[in-house]
């Protein structure tokens, strides 16, 4: 089962924040995600990503 859904905001282990654009499994069965940051796409393993904290805006 996938840990992240399309459109989720995530942080990579390198501290970069991006948006999940695709999810897929490798031939070995490992879960990967395509994460977009400023128009560039990185392909990262699931264990290298963490959910980004949600920011609550004041009304």
Protein backbone atom coordinates (compact mmCIF):
# COMPACT_ATOMS: atom_id res chain seq x y z
CA UNK A 1 0.00 0.00 0.00
CA UNK A 2 1.24 3.47 -0.84
CA UNK A 3 2.21 5.84 1.94
CA UNK A 4 1.54 8.99 -0.13
CA UNK A 5 -1.19 9.97 -2.58
CA UNK A 6 -1.00 12.08 -5.73
CA UNK A 7 -0.90 15.77 -4.81
CA UNK A 8 0.58 15.23 -1.33
CA UNK A 9 3.29 17.68 -0.27
CA UNK A 10 6.38 15.81 0.93
CA UNK A 11 9.91 16.51 2.17
CA UNK A 12 12.85 14.50 0.87
CA UNK A 13 15.74 13.33 3.03
CA UNK A 14 17.77 16.19 1.51
CA UNK A 15 15.33 18.77 2.88
CA UNK A 16 13.64 19.59 -0.43
CA UNK A 17 9.87 20.01 -0.49
CA UNK A 18 7.80 18.92 -3.47
CA UNK A 19 4.49 17.54 -4.69
CA UNK A 20 3.86 13.87 -5.48
CA UNK A 21 2.96 13.62 -9.18
CA UNK A 22 3.16 9.83 -9.74
CA UNK A 23 3.61 6.61 -7.78
CA UNK A 24 4.93 3.32 -9.11
CA UNK A 25 6.70 0.11 -8.09
CA UNK A 26 10.05 -1.07 -9.38
CA UNK A 27 10.46 -4.55 -10.81
CA UNK A 28 11.80 -5.60 -7.40
CA UNK A 29 8.59 -4.36 -5.73
CA UNK A 30 10.01 -1.21 -4.13
CA UNK A 31 7.66 1.81 -4.02
CA UNK A 32 8.90 4.95 -5.85
CA UNK A 33 7.41 8.42 -6.28
CA UNK A 34 7.86 11.14 -8.88
CA UNK A 35 8.14 14.37 -6.87
CA UNK A 36 7.95 17.77 -8.62
CA UNK A 37 9.89 20.76 -7.30
CA UNK A 38 9.95 24.00 -9.34
CA UNK A 39 9.16 22.16 -12.57
CA UNK A 40 11.87 19.50 -12.09
CA UNK A 41 10.96 15.90 -11.28
CA UNK A 42 12.91 13.65 -8.91
CA UNK A 43 12.27 9.90 -8.59
CA UNK A 44 12.63 8.91 -4.94
CA UNK A 45 12.13 5.77 -2.87
CA UNK A 46 9.31 5.83 -0.35
CA UNK A 47 11.66 5.58 2.66
CA UNK A 48 13.41 8.82 1.60
CA UNK A 49 10.20 10.87 1.92
CA UNK A 50 8.29 12.27 4.88
CA UNK A 51 4.98 14.15 4.92
CA UNK A 52 5.38 17.93 4.98
CA UNK A 53 3.72 19.59 7.97
CA UNK A 54 0.49 21.37 7.13
CA UNK A 55 0.46 25.09 7.81
CA UNK A 56 -2.73 26.48 9.29
CA UNK A 57 -3.50 30.01 8.15
CA UNK A 58 -5.21 32.47 10.45
CA UNK A 59 -8.61 33.76 9.31
